[in-house]
Amino acid sequence: MIANVQQAATTLFYGAREKQVAKPSTYKQRVVADRVAMLLMLVATIIFAAITA
């Protein structure tokens, strides 16, 4: 039982080392993400205003 836990933990640690580093986002991706966030905030504001009115 202890050997199985050690093997699982070792695999987990090695898996963490093999992960690739995330690439930095491009300008276009940041613009799209910003537009989506602004759209969601606008929709949330409209819904909140309709509920509280």
PDB file of N, CA and C in Angstrom:
ATOM      1  N   MET A   1       0.824  -1.192   0.000  1.00  0.00           N
ATOM      2  CA  MET A   1       0.000   0.000   0.000  1.00  0.00           C
ATOM      3  C   MET A   1       0.868   1.255   0.000  1.00  0.00           C
ATOM      4  N   ILE A   2       1.896   1.254   0.826  1.00  0.00           N
ATOM      5  CA  ILE A   2       2.773   2.415   0.885  1.00  0.00           C
ATOM      6  C   ILE A   2       3.499   2.590  -0.449  1.00  0.00           C
ATOM      7  N   ALA A   3       3.881   1.491  -1.075  1.00  0.00           N
ATOM      8  CA  ALA A   3       4.573   1.566  -2.359  1.00  0.00           C
ATOM      9  C   ALA A   3       3.669   2.179  -3.422  1.00  0.00           C
ATOM     10  N   ASN A   4       2.397   1.859  -3.402  1.00  0.00           N
ATOM     11  CA  ASN A   4       1.475   2.422  -4.390  1.00  0.00           C
ATOM     12  C   ASN A   4       1.314   3.920  -4.201  1.00  0.00           C
ATOM     13  N   VAL A   5       1.260   4.372  -2.962  1.00  0.00           N
ATOM     14  CA  VAL A   5       1.138   5.811  -2.695  1.00  0.00           C
ATOM     15  C   VAL A   5       2.387   6.528  -3.169  1.00  0.00           C
ATOM     16  N   GLN A   6       3.558   5.930  -2.907  1.00  0.00           N
ATOM     17  CA  GLN A   6       4.805   6.551  -3.330  1.00  0.00           C
ATOM     18  C   GLN A   6       4.876   6.623  -4.856  1.00  0.00           C
ATOM     19  N   GLN A   7       4.441   5.575  -5.527  1.00  0.00           N
ATOM     20  CA  GLN A   7       4.476   5.566  -6.988  1.00  0.00           C
ATOM     21  C   GLN A   7       3.532   6.629  -7.550  1.00  0.00           C
ATOM     22  N   ALA A   8       2.347   6.766  -6.964  1.00  0.00           N
ATOM     23  CA  ALA A   8       1.397   7.772  -7.431  1.00  0.00           C
ATOM     24  C   ALA A   8       1.941   9.170  -7.208  1.00  0.00           C
ATOM     25  N   ALA A   9       2.570   9.397  -6.049  1.00  0.00           N
ATOM     26  CA  ALA A   9       3.128  10.715  -5.745  1.00  0.00           C
ATOM     27  C   ALA A   9       4.279  11.036  -6.694  1.00  0.00           C
ATOM     28  N   THR A  10       5.126  10.044  -6.987  1.00  0.00           N
ATOM     29  CA  THR A  10       6.247  10.258  -7.896  1.00  0.00           C
ATOM     30  C   THR A  10       5.751  10.614  -9.289  1.00  0.00           C
ATOM     31  N   THR A  11       4.743   9.913  -9.751  1.00  0.00           N
ATOM     32  CA  THR A  11       4.175  10.210 -11.064  1.00  0.00           C
ATOM     33  C   THR A  11       3.594  11.618 -11.088  1.00  0.00           C
ATOM     34  N   LEU A  12       2.966  12.008 -10.001  1.00  0.00           N
ATOM     35  CA  LEU A  12       2.389  13.345  -9.921  1.00  0.00           C
ATOM     36  C   LEU A  12       3.474  14.413 -10.009  1.00  0.00           C
ATOM     37  N   PHE A  13       4.588  14.216  -9.290  1.00  0.00           N
ATOM     38  CA  PHE A  13       5.672  15.196  -9.309  1.00  0.00           C
ATOM     39  C   PHE A  13       6.325  15.281 -10.680  1.00  0.00           C
ATOM     40  N   TYR A  14       6.552  14.132 -11.309  1.00  0.00           N
ATOM     41  CA  TYR A  14       7.152  14.148 -12.633  1.00  0.00           C
ATOM     42  C   TYR A  14       6.204  14.777 -13.651  1.00  0.00           C
ATOM     43  N   GLY A  15       4.921  14.559 -13.498  1.00  0.00           N
ATOM     44  CA  GLY A  15       3.947  15.162 -14.401  1.00  0.00           C
ATOM     45  C   GLY A  15       3.949  16.678 -14.287  1.00  0.00           C
ATOM     46  N   ALA A  16       4.173  17.178 -13.092  1.00  0.00           N
ATOM     47  CA  ALA A  16       4.192  18.623 -12.892  1.00  0.00           C
ATOM     48  C   ALA A  16       5.405  19.242 -13.580  1.00  0.00           C
ATOM     49  N   ARG A  17       6.498  18.518 -13.607  1.00  0.00           N
ATOM     50  CA  ARG A  17       7.700  19.056 -14.248  1.00  0.00           C
ATOM     51  C   ARG A  17       7.577  19.076 -15.766  1.00  0.00           C
ATOM     52  N   GLU A  18       6.787  18.177 -16.322  1.00  0.00           N
ATOM     53  CA  GLU A  18       6.696  18.069 -17.769  1.00  0.00           C
ATOM     54  C   GLU A  18       5.712  19.047 -18.396  1.00  0.00           C
ATOM     55  N   LYS A  19       4.971  19.753 -17.590  1.00  0.00           N
ATOM     56  CA  LYS A  19       4.008  20.700 -18.151  1.00  0.00           C
ATOM     57  C   LYS A  19       4.741  21.827 -18.868  1.00  0.00           C
ATOM     58  N   GLN A  20       4.163  22.260 -19.977  1.00  0.00           N
ATOM     59  CA  GLN A  20       4.773  23.331 -20.745  1.00  0.00           C
ATOM     60  C   GLN A  20       4.414  24.680 -20.137  1.00  0.00           C
ATOM     61  N   VAL A  21       5.296  25.616 -20.325  1.00  0.00           N
ATOM     62  CA  VAL A  21       5.060  26.970 -19.838  1.00  0.00           C
ATOM     63  C   VAL A  21       4.029  27.624 -20.753  1.00  0.00           C
ATOM     64  N   ALA A  22       3.078  28.325 -20.159  1.00  0.00           N
ATOM     65  CA  ALA A  22       2.036  28.978 -20.943  1.00  0.00           C
ATOM     66  C   ALA A  22       2.649  30.088 -21.797  1.00  0.00           C
ATOM     67  N   LYS A  23       2.200  30.159 -23.027  1.00  0.00           N
ATOM     68  CA  LYS A  23       2.689  31.204 -23.920  1.00  0.00           C
ATOM     69  C   LYS A  23       2.005  32.518 -23.565  1.00  0.00           C
ATOM     70  N   PRO A  24       2.718  33.622 -23.663  1.00  0.00           N
ATOM     71  CA  PRO A  24       2.069  34.908 -23.409  1.00  0.00           C
ATOM     72  C   PRO A  24       0.999  35.185 -24.470  1.00  0.00           C
ATOM     73  N   SER A  25      -0.073  35.804 -24.047  1.00  0.00           N
ATOM     74  CA  SER A  25      -1.169  36.068 -24.978  1.00  0.00           C
ATOM     75  C   SER A  25      -0.775  37.183 -25.948  1.00  0.00           C
ATOM     76  N   THR A  26      -1.352  37.102 -27.119  1.00  0.00           N
ATOM     77  CA  THR A  26      -1.082  38.124 -28.121  1.00  0.00           C
ATOM     78  C   THR A  26      -2.005  39.327 -27.881  1.00  0.00           C
ATOM     79  N   TYR A  27      -1.711  40.393 -28.555  1.00  0.00           N
ATOM     80  CA  TYR A  27      -2.524  41.605 -28.419  1.00  0.00           C
ATOM     81  C   TYR A  27      -3.961  41.333 -28.837  1.00  0.00           C
ATOM     82  N   LYS A  28      -4.134  40.584 -29.919  1.00  0.00           N
ATOM     83  CA  LYS A  28      -5.483  40.289 -30.414  1.00  0.00           C
ATOM     84  C   LYS A  28      -6.270  39.468 -29.391  1.00  0.00           C
ATOM     85  N   GLN A  29      -5.621  38.499 -28.746  1.00  0.00           N
ATOM     86  CA  GLN A  29      -6.297  37.698 -27.731  1.00  0.00           C
ATOM     87  C   GLN A  29      -6.707  38.554 -26.534  1.00  0.00           C
ATOM     88  N   ARG A  30      -5.854  39.492 -26.135  1.00  0.00           N
ATOM     89  CA  ARG A  30      -6.199  40.381 -25.011  1.00  0.00           C
ATOM     90  C   ARG A  30      -7.374  41.279 -25.357  1.00  0.00           C
ATOM     91  N   VAL A  31      -7.413  41.765 -26.607  1.00  0.00           N
ATOM     92  CA  VAL A  31      -8.518  42.618 -27.042  1.00  0.00           C
ATOM     93  C   VAL A  31      -9.822  41.838 -27.030  1.00  0.00           C
ATOM     94  N   VAL A  32      -9.805  40.605 -27.526  1.00  0.00           N
ATOM     95  CA  VAL A  32     -11.013  39.780 -27.545  1.00  0.00           C
ATOM     96  C   VAL A  32     -11.475  39.485 -26.125  1.00  0.00           C
ATOM     97  N   ALA A  33     -10.539  39.143 -25.245  1.00  0.00           N
ATOM     98  CA  ALA A  33     -10.893  38.862 -23.857  1.00  0.00           C
ATOM     99  C   ALA A  33     -11.485  40.097 -23.176  1.00  0.00           C
ATOM    100  N   ASP A  34     -10.926  41.266 -23.457  1.00  0.00           N
ATOM    101  CA  ASP A  34     -11.432  42.503 -22.883  1.00  0.00           C
ATOM    102  C   ASP A  34     -12.843  42.800 -23.381  1.00  0.00           C
ATOM    103  N   ARG A  35     -13.086  42.577 -24.653  1.00  0.00           N
ATOM    104  CA  ARG A  35     -14.424  42.824 -25.210  1.00  0.00           C
ATOM    105  C   ARG A  35     -15.457  41.871 -24.621  1.00  0.00           C
ATOM    106  N   VAL A  36     -15.083  40.618 -24.441  1.00  0.00           N
ATOM    107  CA  VAL A  36     -16.000  39.650 -23.843  1.00  0.00           C
ATOM    108  C   VAL A  36     -16.314  40.044 -22.404  1.00  0.00           C
ATOM    109  N   ALA A  37     -15.297  40.449 -21.655  1.00  0.00           N
ATOM    110  CA  ALA A  37     -15.511  40.864 -20.265  1.00  0.00           C
ATOM    111  C   ALA A  37     -16.418  42.089 -20.197  1.00  0.00           C
ATOM    112  N   MET A  38     -16.198  43.058 -21.066  1.00  0.00           N
ATOM    113  CA  MET A  38     -17.028  44.264 -21.069  1.00  0.00           C
ATOM    114  C   MET A  38     -18.466  43.934 -21.453  1.00  0.00           C
ATOM    115  N   LEU A  39     -18.656  43.026 -22.402  1.00  0.00           N
ATOM    116  CA  LEU A  39     -19.996  42.621 -22.803  1.00  0.00           C
ATOM    117  C   LEU A  39     -20.724  41.925 -21.647  1.00  0.00           C
ATOM    118  N   LEU A  40     -20.021  41.045 -20.941  1.00  0.00           N
ATOM    119  CA  LEU A  40     -20.634  40.364 -19.793  1.00  0.00           C
ATOM    120  C   LEU A  40     -21.010  41.360 -18.689  1.00  0.00           C
ATOM    121  N   MET A  41     -20.148  42.339 -18.442  1.00  0.00           N
ATOM    122  CA  MET A  41     -20.476  43.348 -17.427  1.00  0.00           C
ATOM    123  C   MET A  41     -21.668  44.195 -17.854  1.00  0.00           C
ATOM    124  N   LEU A  42     -21.759  44.528 -19.145  1.00  0.00           N
ATOM    125  CA  LEU A  42     -22.891  45.304 -19.648  1.00  0.00           C
ATOM    126  C   LEU A  42     -24.196  44.528 -19.484  1.00  0.00           C
ATOM    127  N   VAL A  43     -24.180  43.260 -19.851  1.00  0.00           N
ATOM    128  CA  VAL A  43     -25.374  42.426 -19.726  1.00  0.00           C
ATOM    129  C   VAL A  43     -25.761  42.279 -18.255  1.00  0.00           C
ATOM    130  N   ALA A  44     -24.775  42.079 -17.383  1.00  0.00           N
ATOM    131  CA  ALA A  44     -25.057  41.959 -15.948  1.00  0.00           C
ATOM    132  C   ALA A  44     -25.658  43.250 -15.398  1.00  0.00           C
ATOM    133  N   THR A  45     -25.174  44.381 -15.853  1.00  0.00           N
ATOM    134  CA  THR A  45     -25.711  45.675 -15.410  1.00  0.00           C
ATOM    135  C   THR A  45     -27.157  45.848 -15.859  1.00  0.00           C
ATOM    136  N   ILE A  46     -27.454  45.492 -17.090  1.00  0.00           N
ATOM    137  CA  ILE A  46     -28.818  45.612 -17.606  1.00  0.00           C
ATOM    138  C   ILE A  46     -29.764  44.701 -16.835  1.00  0.00           C
ATOM    139  N   ILE A  47     -29.339  43.471 -16.599  1.00  0.00           N
ATOM    140  CA  ILE A  47     -30.179  42.536 -15.842  1.00  0.00           C
ATOM    141  C   ILE A  47     -30.403  43.023 -14.415  1.00  0.00           C
ATOM    142  N   PHE A  48     -29.342  43.489 -13.766  1.00  0.00           N
ATOM    143  CA  PHE A  48     -29.471  43.998 -12.398  1.00  0.00           C
ATOM    144  C   PHE A  48     -30.389  45.212 -12.345  1.00  0.00           C
ATOM    145  N   ALA A  49     -30.292  46.090 -13.354  1.00  0.00           N
ATOM    146  CA  ALA A  49     -31.157  47.270 -13.396  1.00  0.00           C
ATOM    147  C   ALA A  49     -32.607  46.874 -13.606  1.00  0.00           C
ATOM    148  N   ALA A  50     -32.856  45.861 -14.426  1.00  0.00           N
ATOM    149  CA  ALA A  50     -34.222  45.416 -14.660  1.00  0.00           C
ATOM    150  C   ALA A  50     -34.817  44.767 -13.415  1.00  0.00           C
ATOM    151  N   ILE A  51     -33.992  44.047 -12.664  1.00  0.00           N
ATOM    152  CA  ILE A  51     -34.477  43.391 -11.444  1.00  0.00           C
ATOM    153  C   ILE A  51     -34.795  44.411 -10.364  1.00  0.00           C
ATOM    154  N   THR A  52     -33.960  45.416 -10.205  1.00  0.00           N
ATOM    155  CA  THR A  52     -34.142  46.365  -9.107  1.00  0.00           C
ATOM    156  C   THR A  52     -35.083  47.516  -9.469  1.00  0.00           C
ATOM    157  N   ALA A  53     -35.464  47.636 -10.706  1.00  0.00           N
ATOM    158  CA  ALA A  53     -36.336  48.746 -11.099  1.00  0.00           C
ATOM    159  C   ALA A  53     -37.775  48.509 -10.673  1.00  0.00           C
TER     160      ALA A  53
END
